[in-house]
Structure formats: structure tokens, C-alpha cells
Amino acid sequence: MASSAKTILIVEDNALNMRLFNDVLQASGYQTLQTGDGNEAVALAVEHRPDLILMDMRLPGISGLEATQLIKAHENLRDV
């Protein structure tokens, strides 16, 4: 049976912040996907189509703003 829990993609390169976000969201009944990399965030968003994305703006590689723009460029992700 498929889970009805909403999925949140957490994009955060600080391990302590990631753990805090993840623990609070999972304790509230959400499923989470996690990455600290903007390029991987785009790939995860395309693959899993999360209900919400929490995006850090300062990431190694491409910035959170660039990753958000790439995600929003996908027709199926524009409303995320």
C-alpha cells in the first residue's frame, strides 16, 4: 500500500541543520528526501516530485537559487 504522507525534499549542506529539519519533519509525519548538493536536488526533484522543497541558498557547486530555477524549468515541477 502506498503511503499518503507528503514528501519534502530538504536541500541543506550543514549536517546539523539537515538533522534538525529531518527530525522535526519526520516527527510531524512527513517523508523526507535529503541532499546537500544543488545538482542532486534537481535530480531528486525530477525523480520523486516532492510536495515541498526546503532549499538552502548557499550550496557548494550550483547555488540554491540556480537549483530552484532549474527545478522550476521542468513542466511537471512548476507548482512545487
PDB file of N, CA and C in Angstrom:
ATOM      1  N   MET A   1       0.841  -1.180   0.000  1.00  0.00           N
ATOM      2  CA  MET A   1       0.000   0.000   0.000  1.00  0.00           C
ATOM      3  C   MET A   1       0.885   1.243   0.000  1.00  0.00           C
ATOM      4  N   ALA A   2       0.579   2.221  -0.817  1.00  0.00           N
ATOM      5  CA  ALA A   2       1.362   3.450  -0.917  1.00  0.00           C
ATOM      6  C   ALA A   2       1.077   4.348   0.283  1.00  0.00           C
ATOM      7  N   SER A   3       2.091   5.045   0.722  1.00  0.00           N
ATOM      8  CA  SER A   3       1.940   5.965   1.846  1.00  0.00           C
ATOM      9  C   SER A   3       1.284   7.260   1.376  1.00  0.00           C
ATOM     10  N   SER A   4       0.446   7.831   2.244  1.00  0.00           N
ATOM     11  CA  SER A   4      -0.206   9.097   1.900  1.00  0.00           C
ATOM     12  C   SER A   4       0.544  10.291   2.468  1.00  0.00           C
ATOM     13  N   ALA A   5       1.675  10.043   3.135  1.00  0.00           N
ATOM     14  CA  ALA A   5       2.455  11.135   3.714  1.00  0.00           C
ATOM     15  C   ALA A   5       3.026  12.015   2.620  1.00  0.00           C
ATOM     16  N   LYS A   6       3.000  13.307   2.853  1.00  0.00           N
ATOM     17  CA  LYS A   6       3.612  14.258   1.931  1.00  0.00           C
ATOM     18  C   LYS A   6       5.124  14.106   2.005  1.00  0.00           C
ATOM     19  N   THR A   7       5.790  14.361   0.874  1.00  0.00           N
ATOM     20  CA  THR A   7       7.242  14.245   0.798  1.00  0.00           C
ATOM     21  C   THR A   7       7.864  15.621   0.679  1.00  0.00           C
ATOM     22  N   ILE A   8       8.886  15.859   1.498  1.00  0.00           N
ATOM     23  CA  ILE A   8       9.610  17.129   1.484  1.00  0.00           C
ATOM     24  C   ILE A   8      11.067  16.849   1.153  1.00  0.00           C
ATOM     25  N   LEU A   9      11.573  17.547   0.146  1.00  0.00           N
ATOM     26  CA  LEU A   9      12.986  17.478  -0.221  1.00  0.00           C
ATOM     27  C   LEU A   9      13.717  18.558   0.560  1.00  0.00           C
ATOM     28  N   ILE A  10      14.673  18.133   1.379  1.00  0.00           N
ATOM     29  CA  ILE A  10      15.485  19.061   2.168  1.00  0.00           C
ATOM     30  C   ILE A  10      16.833  19.195   1.471  1.00  0.00           C
ATOM     31  N   VAL A  11      17.182  20.428   1.110  1.00  0.00           N
ATOM     32  CA  VAL A  11      18.468  20.695   0.467  1.00  0.00           C
ATOM     33  C   VAL A  11      19.245  21.601   1.414  1.00  0.00           C
ATOM     34  N   GLU A  12      20.224  21.017   2.097  1.00  0.00           N
ATOM     35  CA  GLU A  12      20.956  21.720   3.150  1.00  0.00           C
ATOM     36  C   GLU A  12      22.334  21.103   3.276  1.00  0.00           C
ATOM     37  N   ASP A  13      23.382  21.920   3.205  1.00  0.00           N
ATOM     38  CA  ASP A  13      24.741  21.380   3.280  1.00  0.00           C
ATOM     39  C   ASP A  13      25.314  21.375   4.695  1.00  0.00           C
ATOM     40  N   ASN A  14      24.608  21.921   5.666  1.00  0.00           N
ATOM     41  CA  ASN A  14      25.049  21.895   7.054  1.00  0.00           C
ATOM     42  C   ASN A  14      24.419  20.679   7.733  1.00  0.00           C
ATOM     43  N   ALA A  15      25.252  19.754   8.198  1.00  0.00           N
ATOM     44  CA  ALA A  15      24.765  18.483   8.737  1.00  0.00           C
ATOM     45  C   ALA A  15      23.843  18.671   9.948  1.00  0.00           C
ATOM     46  N   LEU A  16      24.155  19.611  10.817  1.00  0.00           N
ATOM     47  CA  LEU A  16      23.309  19.834  11.991  1.00  0.00           C
ATOM     48  C   LEU A  16      21.937  20.370  11.595  1.00  0.00           C
ATOM     49  N   ASN A  17      21.912  21.316  10.670  1.00  0.00           N
ATOM     50  CA  ASN A  17      20.635  21.843  10.186  1.00  0.00           C
ATOM     51  C   ASN A  17      19.834  20.748   9.492  1.00  0.00           C
ATOM     52  N   MET A  18      20.512  19.933   8.694  1.00  0.00           N
ATOM     53  CA  MET A  18      19.839  18.843   7.990  1.00  0.00           C
ATOM     54  C   MET A  18      19.184  17.898   8.989  1.00  0.00           C
ATOM     55  N   ARG A  19      19.905  17.539  10.012  1.00  0.00           N
ATOM     56  CA  ARG A  19      19.359  16.614  11.016  1.00  0.00           C
ATOM     57  C   ARG A  19      18.160  17.230  11.725  1.00  0.00           C
ATOM     58  N   LEU A  20      18.255  18.506  12.082  1.00  0.00           N
ATOM     59  CA  LEU A  20      17.147  19.190  12.753  1.00  0.00           C
ATOM     60  C   LEU A  20      15.909  19.214  11.859  1.00  0.00           C
ATOM     61  N   PHE A  21      16.064  19.674  10.612  1.00  0.00           N
ATOM     62  CA  PHE A  21      14.932  19.722   9.683  1.00  0.00           C
ATOM     63  C   PHE A  21      14.323  18.334   9.506  1.00  0.00           C
ATOM     64  N   ASN A  22      15.184  17.354   9.266  1.00  0.00           N
ATOM     65  CA  ASN A  22      14.724  15.993   9.025  1.00  0.00           C
ATOM     66  C   ASN A  22      13.960  15.440  10.229  1.00  0.00           C
ATOM     67  N   ASP A  23      14.523  15.584  11.415  1.00  0.00           N
ATOM     68  CA  ASP A  23      13.887  15.033  12.616  1.00  0.00           C
ATOM     69  C   ASP A  23      12.534  15.689  12.893  1.00  0.00           C
ATOM     70  N   VAL A  24      12.464  17.007  12.761  1.00  0.00           N
ATOM     71  CA  VAL A  24      11.204  17.716  13.011  1.00  0.00           C
ATOM     72  C   VAL A  24      10.149  17.312  11.981  1.00  0.00           C
ATOM     73  N   LEU A  25      10.536  17.252  10.716  1.00  0.00           N
ATOM     74  CA  LEU A  25       9.570  16.912   9.667  1.00  0.00           C
ATOM     75  C   LEU A  25       9.090  15.467   9.774  1.00  0.00           C
ATOM     76  N   GLN A  26      10.005  14.541  10.028  1.00  0.00           N
ATOM     77  CA  GLN A  26       9.594  13.152  10.155  1.00  0.00           C
ATOM     78  C   GLN A  26       8.723  12.946  11.394  1.00  0.00           C
ATOM     79  N   ALA A  27       9.043  13.628  12.486  1.00  0.00           N
ATOM     80  CA  ALA A  27       8.224  13.538  13.695  1.00  0.00           C
ATOM     81  C   ALA A  27       6.821  14.098  13.454  1.00  0.00           C
ATOM     82  N   SER A  28       6.686  14.968  12.464  1.00  0.00           N
ATOM     83  CA  SER A  28       5.390  15.555  12.114  1.00  0.00           C
ATOM     84  C   SER A  28       4.657  14.739  11.054  1.00  0.00           C
ATOM     85  N   GLY A  29       5.227  13.607  10.657  1.00  0.00           N
ATOM     86  CA  GLY A  29       4.545  12.705   9.738  1.00  0.00           C
ATOM     87  C   GLY A  29       4.913  12.836   8.273  1.00  0.00           C
ATOM     88  N   TYR A  30       5.915  13.641   7.959  1.00  0.00           N
ATOM     89  CA  TYR A  30       6.334  13.812   6.566  1.00  0.00           C
ATOM     90  C   TYR A  30       7.420  12.812   6.206  1.00  0.00           C
ATOM     91  N   GLN A  31       7.457  12.416   4.940  1.00  0.00           N
ATOM     92  CA  GLN A  31       8.581  11.669   4.401  1.00  0.00           C
ATOM     93  C   GLN A  31       9.590  12.699   3.917  1.00  0.00           C
ATOM     94  N   THR A  32      10.863  12.386   4.017  1.00  0.00           N
ATOM     95  CA  THR A  32      11.871  13.342   3.573  1.00  0.00           C
ATOM     96  C   THR A  32      12.852  12.693   2.596  1.00  0.00           C
ATOM     97  N   LEU A  33      13.345  13.542   1.718  1.00  0.00           N
ATOM     98  CA  LEU A  33      14.485  13.242   0.862  1.00  0.00           C
ATOM     99  C   LEU A  33      15.532  14.265   1.256  1.00  0.00           C
ATOM    100  N   GLN A  34      16.802  13.896   1.204  1.00  0.00           N
ATOM    101  CA  GLN A  34      17.842  14.802   1.672  1.00  0.00           C
ATOM    102  C   GLN A  34      19.019  14.857   0.715  1.00  0.00           C
ATOM    103  N   THR A  35      19.549  16.071   0.563  1.00  0.00           N
ATOM    104  CA  THR A  35      20.794  16.246  -0.161  1.00  0.00           C
ATOM    105  C   THR A  35      21.427  17.572   0.267  1.00  0.00           C
ATOM    106  N   GLY A  36      22.715  17.661   0.109  1.00  0.00           N
ATOM    107  CA  GLY A  36      23.434  18.896   0.368  1.00  0.00           C
ATOM    108  C   GLY A  36      23.996  19.495  -0.907  1.00  0.00           C
ATOM    109  N   ASP A  37      23.525  19.023  -2.055  1.00  0.00           N
ATOM    110  CA  ASP A  37      24.076  19.405  -3.345  1.00  0.00           C
ATOM    111  C   ASP A  37      22.960  19.893  -4.273  1.00  0.00           C
ATOM    112  N   GLY A  38      23.155  21.041  -4.878  1.00  0.00           N
ATOM    113  CA  GLY A  38      22.148  21.617  -5.756  1.00  0.00           C
ATOM    114  C   GLY A  38      21.841  20.782  -6.982  1.00  0.00           C
ATOM    115  N   ASN A  39      22.869  20.215  -7.608  1.00  0.00           N
ATOM    116  CA  ASN A  39      22.642  19.368  -8.786  1.00  0.00           C
ATOM    117  C   ASN A  39      21.853  18.114  -8.422  1.00  0.00           C
ATOM    118  N   GLU A  40      22.192  17.522  -7.284  1.00  0.00           N
ATOM    119  CA  GLU A  40      21.465  16.337  -6.841  1.00  0.00           C
ATOM    120  C   GLU A  40      20.029  16.706  -6.462  1.00  0.00           C
ATOM    121  N   ALA A  41      19.829  17.911  -5.940  1.00  0.00           N
ATOM    122  CA  ALA A  41      18.474  18.370  -5.612  1.00  0.00           C
ATOM    123  C   ALA A  41      17.600  18.389  -6.859  1.00  0.00           C
ATOM    124  N   VAL A  42      18.144  18.863  -7.951  1.00  0.00           N
ATOM    125  CA  VAL A  42      17.395  18.894  -9.210  1.00  0.00           C
ATOM    126  C   VAL A  42      17.033  17.467  -9.625  1.00  0.00           C
ATOM    127  N   ALA A  43      17.998  16.576  -9.575  1.00  0.00           N
ATOM    128  CA  ALA A  43      17.761  15.185  -9.968  1.00  0.00           C
ATOM    129  C   ALA A  43      16.716  14.520  -9.067  1.00  0.00           C
ATOM    130  N   LEU A  44      16.808  14.738  -7.761  1.00  0.00           N
ATOM    131  CA  LEU A  44      15.835  14.158  -6.835  1.00  0.00           C
ATOM    132  C   LEU A  44      14.440  14.724  -7.057  1.00  0.00           C
ATOM    133  N   ALA A  45      14.359  16.017  -7.330  1.00  0.00           N
ATOM    134  CA  ALA A  45      13.060  16.642  -7.578  1.00  0.00           C
ATOM    135  C   ALA A  45      12.412  16.051  -8.826  1.00  0.00           C
ATOM    136  N   VAL A  46      13.197  15.882  -9.881  1.00  0.00           N
ATOM    137  CA  VAL A  46      12.673  15.312 -11.125  1.00  0.00           C
ATOM    138  C   VAL A  46      12.222  13.865 -10.897  1.00  0.00           C
ATOM    139  N   GLU A  47      13.023  13.098 -10.172  1.00  0.00           N
ATOM    140  CA  GLU A  47      12.727  11.679  -9.957  1.00  0.00           C
ATOM    141  C   GLU A  47      11.533  11.458  -9.022  1.00  0.00           C
ATOM    142  N   HIS A  48      11.450  12.242  -7.942  1.00  0.00           N
ATOM    143  CA  HIS A  48      10.465  11.971  -6.889  1.00  0.00           C
ATOM    144  C   HIS A  48       9.286  12.938  -6.829  1.00  0.00           C
ATOM    145  N   ARG A  49       9.382  14.082  -7.493  1.00  0.00           N
ATOM    146  CA  ARG A  49       8.360  15.131  -7.464  1.00  0.00           C
ATOM    147  C   ARG A  49       7.821  15.367  -6.055  1.00  0.00           C
ATOM    148  N   PRO A  50       8.650  15.947  -5.181  1.00  0.00           N
ATOM    149  CA  PRO A  50       8.213  16.178  -3.803  1.00  0.00           C
ATOM    150  C   PRO A  50       7.084  17.208  -3.727  1.00  0.00           C
ATOM    151  N   ASP A  51       6.390  17.203  -2.610  1.00  0.00           N
ATOM    152  CA  ASP A  51       5.306  18.161  -2.393  1.00  0.00           C
ATOM    153  C   ASP A  51       5.844  19.546  -2.024  1.00  0.00           C
ATOM    154  N   LEU A  52       7.024  19.559  -1.425  1.00  0.00           N
ATOM    155  CA  LEU A  52       7.643  20.809  -0.971  1.00  0.00           C
ATOM    156  C   LEU A  52       9.157  20.641  -1.010  1.00  0.00           C
ATOM    157  N   ILE A  53       9.864  21.733  -1.282  1.00  0.00           N
ATOM    158  CA  ILE A  53      11.329  21.716  -1.246  1.00  0.00           C
ATOM    159  C   ILE A  53      11.798  22.816  -0.306  1.00  0.00           C
ATOM    160  N   LEU A  54      12.605  22.438   0.684  1.00  0.00           N
ATOM    161  CA  LEU A  54      13.272  23.409   1.552  1.00  0.00           C
ATOM    162  C   LEU A  54      14.684  23.575   1.006  1.00  0.00           C
ATOM    163  N   MET A  55      14.973  24.730   0.429  1.00  0.00           N
ATOM    164  CA  MET A  55      16.212  24.934  -0.312  1.00  0.00           C
ATOM    165  C   MET A  55      17.123  25.927   0.392  1.00  0.00           C
ATOM    166  N   ASP A  56      18.329  25.479   0.731  1.00  0.00           N
ATOM    167  CA  ASP A  56      19.388  26.365   1.213  1.00  0.00           C
ATOM    168  C   ASP A  56      19.867  27.177   0.006  1.00  0.00           C
ATOM    169  N   MET A  57      20.125  28.436   0.175  1.00  0.00           N
ATOM    170  CA  MET A  57      20.543  29.267  -0.957  1.00  0.00           C
ATOM    171  C   MET A  57      22.039  29.172  -1.231  1.00  0.00           C
ATOM    172  N   ARG A  58      22.839  28.936  -0.196  1.00  0.00           N
ATOM    173  CA  ARG A  58      24.288  28.854  -0.388  1.00  0.00           C
ATOM    174  C   ARG A  58      24.725  27.401  -0.300  1.00  0.00           C
ATOM    175  N   LEU A  59      24.979  26.840  -1.463  1.00  0.00           N
ATOM    176  CA  LEU A  59      25.384  25.440  -1.566  1.00  0.00           C
ATOM    177  C   LEU A  59      26.683  25.341  -2.353  1.00  0.00           C
ATOM    178  N   PRO A  60      27.433  24.256  -2.134  1.00  0.00           N
ATOM    179  CA  PRO A  60      28.602  24.043  -2.985  1.00  0.00           C
ATOM    180  C   PRO A  60      28.142  23.688  -4.399  1.00  0.00           C
ATOM    181  N   GLY A  61      28.928  24.027  -5.386  1.00  0.00           N
ATOM    182  CA  GLY A  61      28.527  23.772  -6.772  1.00  0.00           C
ATOM    183  C   GLY A  61      27.562  24.849  -7.218  1.00  0.00           C
ATOM    184  N   ILE A  62      26.376  24.449  -7.625  1.00  0.00           N
ATOM    185  CA  ILE A  62      25.395  25.459  -8.025  1.00  0.00           C
ATOM    186  C   ILE A  62      24.639  25.951  -6.791  1.00  0.00           C
ATOM    187  N   SER A  63      24.237  27.190  -6.807  1.00  0.00           N
ATOM    188  CA  SER A  63      23.540  27.777  -5.660  1.00  0.00           C
ATOM    189  C   SER A  63      22.111  27.243  -5.577  1.00  0.00           C
ATOM    190  N   GLY A  64      21.490  27.460  -4.438  1.00  0.00           N
ATOM    191  CA  GLY A  64      20.095  27.088  -4.266  1.00  0.00           C
ATOM    192  C   GLY A  64      19.188  27.834  -5.227  1.00  0.00           C
ATOM    193  N   LEU A  65      19.536  29.071  -5.519  1.00  0.00           N
ATOM    194  CA  LEU A  65      18.743  29.845  -6.481  1.00  0.00           C
ATOM    195  C   LEU A  65      18.822  29.216  -7.870  1.00  0.00           C
ATOM    196  N   GLU A  66      20.022  28.843  -8.289  1.00  0.00           N
ATOM    197  CA  GLU A  66      20.188  28.189  -9.594  1.00  0.00           C
ATOM    198  C   GLU A  66      19.443  26.848  -9.636  1.00  0.00           C
ATOM    199  N   ALA A  67      19.550  26.086  -8.558  1.00  0.00           N
ATOM    200  CA  ALA A  67      18.854  24.791  -8.499  1.00  0.00           C
ATOM    201  C   ALA A  67      17.347  24.998  -8.583  1.00  0.00           C
ATOM    202  N   THR A  68      16.833  26.002  -7.879  1.00  0.00           N
ATOM    203  CA  THR A  68      15.402  26.301  -7.915  1.00  0.00           C
ATOM    204  C   THR A  68      14.962  26.677  -9.322  1.00  0.00           C
ATOM    205  N   GLN A  69      15.762  27.486 -10.008  1.00  0.00           N
ATOM    206  CA  GLN A  69      15.430  27.867 -11.379  1.00  0.00           C
ATOM    207  C   GLN A  69      15.394  26.647 -12.302  1.00  0.00           C
ATOM    208  N   LEU A  70      16.335  25.727 -12.128  1.00  0.00           N
ATOM    209  CA  LEU A  70      16.352  24.505 -12.936  1.00  0.00           C
ATOM    210  C   LEU A  70      15.137  23.633 -12.631  1.00  0.00           C
ATOM    211  N   ILE A  71      14.776  23.538 -11.373  1.00  0.00           N
ATOM    212  CA  ILE A  71      13.601  22.750 -10.989  1.00  0.00           C
ATOM    213  C   ILE A  71      12.340  23.369 -11.578  1.00  0.00           C
ATOM    214  N   LYS A  72      12.196  24.675 -11.461  1.00  0.00           N
ATOM    215  CA  LYS A  72      11.004  25.371 -11.965  1.00  0.00           C
ATOM    216  C   LYS A  72      10.908  25.321 -13.492  1.00  0.00           C
ATOM    217  N   ALA A  73      12.027  25.047 -14.163  1.00  0.00           N
ATOM    218  CA  ALA A  73      12.023  24.943 -15.621  1.00  0.00           C
ATOM    219  C   ALA A  73      11.354  23.652 -16.094  1.00  0.00           C
ATOM    220  N   HIS A  74      11.225  22.660 -15.199  1.00  0.00           N
ATOM    221  CA  HIS A  74      10.570  21.407 -15.548  1.00  0.00           C
ATOM    222  C   HIS A  74       9.061  21.582 -15.450  1.00  0.00           C
ATOM    223  N   GLU A  75       8.370  21.262 -16.532  1.00  0.00           N
ATOM    224  CA  GLU A  75       6.923  21.464 -16.594  1.00  0.00           C
ATOM    225  C   GLU A  75       6.182  20.778 -15.441  1.00  0.00           C
ATOM    226  N   ASN A  76       6.593  19.579 -15.060  1.00  0.00           N
ATOM    227  CA  ASN A  76       5.918  18.831 -14.009  1.00  0.00           C
ATOM    228  C   ASN A  76       6.260  19.321 -12.602  1.00  0.00           C
ATOM    229  N   LEU A  77       7.199  20.242 -12.484  1.00  0.00           N
ATOM    230  CA  LEU A  77       7.642  20.696 -11.162  1.00  0.00           C
ATOM    231  C   LEU A  77       7.316  22.159 -10.895  1.00  0.00           C
ATOM    232  N   ARG A  78       6.694  22.835 -11.838  1.00  0.00           N
ATOM    233  CA  ARG A  78       6.462  24.270 -11.696  1.00  0.00           C
ATOM    234  C   ARG A  78       5.609  24.636 -10.486  1.00  0.00           C
ATOM    235  N   ASP A  79       4.729  23.730 -10.082  1.00  0.00           N
ATOM    236  CA  ASP A  79       3.856  24.040  -8.956  1.00  0.00           C
ATOM    237  C   ASP A  79       4.387  23.570  -7.605  1.00  0.00           C
ATOM    238  N   VAL A  80       5.591  22.994  -7.592  1.00  0.00           N
ATOM    239  CA  VAL A  80       6.189  22.556  -6.328  1.00  0.00           C
ATOM    240  C   VAL A  80       6.693  23.781  -5.588  1.00  0.00           C
TER     241      VAL A  80
END
